[in-house]
Protein backbone atom coordinates (compact mmCIF):
# COMPACT_ATOMS: atom_id res chain seq x y z
CA MET A 1 0.00 0.00 0.00
CA SER A 2 2.76 2.49 0.83
CA GLN A 3 4.42 2.02 -2.58
CA ASP A 4 1.01 2.53 -4.18
CA LEU A 5 0.68 5.91 -2.41
CA LYS A 6 4.22 6.87 -3.46
CA ASN A 7 3.30 6.05 -7.06
CA LYS A 8 0.13 8.15 -6.76
CA VAL A 9 2.22 11.14 -5.64
CA ILE A 10 4.55 10.63 -8.61
CA ALA A 11 1.57 10.45 -11.01
CA TYR A 12 0.14 13.63 -9.46
CA LEU A 13 3.44 15.51 -9.91
CA LEU A 14 3.77 14.30 -13.50
CA ALA A 15 0.28 15.68 -14.21
CA LEU A 16 1.40 19.05 -12.77
CA GLU A 17 4.54 19.01 -14.95
CA LYS A 18 2.33 18.52 -18.01
CA THR A 19 -0.18 21.11 -16.76
CA ASP A 20 -2.84 18.43 -16.98
CA TRP A 21 -5.06 20.10 -14.40
CA ASP A 22 -7.96 17.69 -14.91
CA ALA A 23 -5.78 14.65 -14.24
CA ALA A 24 -4.18 16.24 -11.17
CA ARG A 25 -7.52 17.36 -9.77
CA ALA A 26 -9.03 13.90 -10.34
CA MET A 27 -6.43 12.53 -7.91
CA CYS A 28 -7.78 14.78 -5.15
CA ASP A 29 -10.89 14.52 -3.02
CA GLU A 30 -13.27 17.45 -3.58
CA THR A 31 -12.90 18.48 0.07
CA ALA A 32 -9.08 18.46 -0.01
CA THR A 33 -7.23 21.33 1.64
CA VAL A 34 -3.75 22.71 1.07
CA TRP A 35 -1.37 24.52 3.43
CA HIS A 36 1.75 26.44 2.36
CA ASN A 37 4.34 28.22 4.46
CA ASP A 38 3.15 31.59 3.16
CA GLY A 39 1.23 32.53 6.29
CA LYS A 40 -2.15 32.57 4.52
CA GLY A 41 -3.58 29.45 6.18
CA ASP A 42 -5.43 26.64 4.45
CA GLU A 43 -6.62 26.88 0.86
CA THR A 44 -9.49 25.10 -0.81
CA LEU A 45 -8.72 22.88 -3.77
CA GLU A 46 -10.09 25.57 -6.10
CA GLN A 47 -7.81 28.24 -4.62
CA TYR A 48 -4.85 25.88 -4.77
CA PHE A 49 -5.26 25.06 -8.45
CA GLU A 50 -5.85 28.73 -9.34
CA GLY A 51 -2.54 29.57 -7.67
CA LEU A 52 -0.73 26.67 -9.33
CA LYS A 53 -1.93 27.70 -12.78
CA LYS A 54 -0.65 31.24 -12.23
CA GLN A 55 2.66 30.12 -10.75
CA ILE A 56 3.41 27.40 -13.28
CA GLY A 57 2.33 29.77 -16.07
CA LEU A 58 5.36 31.94 -15.24
CA TYR A 59 7.72 29.16 -16.25
CA GLU A 60 8.88 27.80 -19.56
CA SER A 61 9.27 24.41 -17.93
CA ILE A 62 9.10 22.65 -14.58
CA ARG A 63 10.36 19.25 -13.45
CA TYR A 64 10.03 17.57 -10.07
CA ASP A 65 13.20 15.87 -8.84
CA ILE A 66 12.26 13.66 -5.91
CA ILE A 67 15.03 13.38 -3.35
CA ARG A 68 13.24 11.03 -0.94
CA GLN A 69 9.82 9.65 -0.16
CA LEU A 70 8.75 8.23 3.17
CA SER A 71 5.37 6.63 3.55
CA GLN A 72 3.05 5.26 6.16
CA PRO A 73 -0.56 4.18 5.91
CA GLY A 74 -2.54 7.13 4.62
CA GLY A 75 0.34 9.43 3.77
CA VAL A 76 3.57 10.24 1.99
CA LEU A 77 6.21 12.68 3.18
CA GLN A 78 8.42 13.79 0.35
CA GLN A 79 11.40 16.03 -0.21
CA HIS A 80 11.82 17.33 -3.75
CA VAL A 81 13.21 20.14 -5.85
CA VAL A 82 11.04 21.66 -8.56
CA ARG A 83 13.51 22.61 -11.29
CA VAL A 84 12.14 25.65 -13.08
CA THR A 85 13.11 27.66 -16.12
CA ALA A 86 11.42 31.05 -16.34
CA LYS A 87 10.30 32.47 -19.67
CA THR A 88 13.14 34.99 -19.18
CA GLY A 89 15.62 32.10 -19.14
CA GLU A 90 16.35 32.36 -15.41
CA ARG A 91 16.72 28.96 -13.80
CA GLY A 92 16.21 27.93 -10.24
CA GLY A 93 14.76 25.40 -7.94
CA VAL A 94 11.93 25.33 -5.45
CA HIS A 95 13.17 23.20 -2.58
CA ALA A 96 10.24 21.63 -0.78
CA ALA A 97 9.13 19.22 1.90
CA VAL A 98 5.57 18.10 1.27
CA HIS A 99 3.18 15.80 3.09
CA PHE A 100 0.37 14.21 1.07
CA ALA A 101 -2.49 12.68 3.07
CA PHE A 102 -4.87 10.20 1.41
CA ASN A 103 -8.35 8.92 2.20
CA ASP A 104 -9.33 5.24 2.05
CA ALA A 105 -10.27 5.65 -1.63
CA GLY A 106 -6.68 6.66 -2.45
CA LEU A 107 -7.51 10.32 -3.13
CA ILE A 108 -5.42 13.20 -1.81
CA ILE A 109 -7.26 14.91 1.05
CA ARG A 110 -4.52 17.23 2.33
CA ILE A 111 -1.28 18.70 1.04
CA GLU A 112 1.08 20.50 3.42
CA ALA A 113 4.03 22.14 1.70
CA TYR A 114 7.03 24.02 2.96
CA ALA A 115 8.92 25.49 0.02
CA ASN A 116 11.76 27.91 -0.70
CA TYR A 117 12.87 29.22 -4.12
CA ILE A 118 16.61 29.37 -4.73
CA PRO A 119 17.98 30.86 -7.99
CA GLU A 120 20.46 28.65 -9.84
CA GLY A 121 24.04 29.21 -8.74
CA GLN A 122 23.13 30.20 -5.18
CA THR A 123 23.24 27.97 -2.17
CA SER A 124 20.81 27.82 0.67
């Protein structure tokens, strides 16, 4: 079961890379909530996808490089770097630790993400 959840997270991230919003959203429960370290509190799924579309729209390309995945029943904790290339050519990475919680049907019910953008060539 834990490998199945890890694979679901990978499929979800691949859908985001392809900007396949319908596929990504289909992997989430309608009541799913999202938290980011931006101080704004929880977002609804609708707010989350609106923000993703705007953010990802700034980039020429994005790619998720998974560093590690840890799982337990009902959840996956993952560390990854989102490699981004802006339309201006600037490159960087969004370093993130994300927890994905799943319901019994295998749908994402909660995403909690701590992320930090670092331009290419700089260190944290």
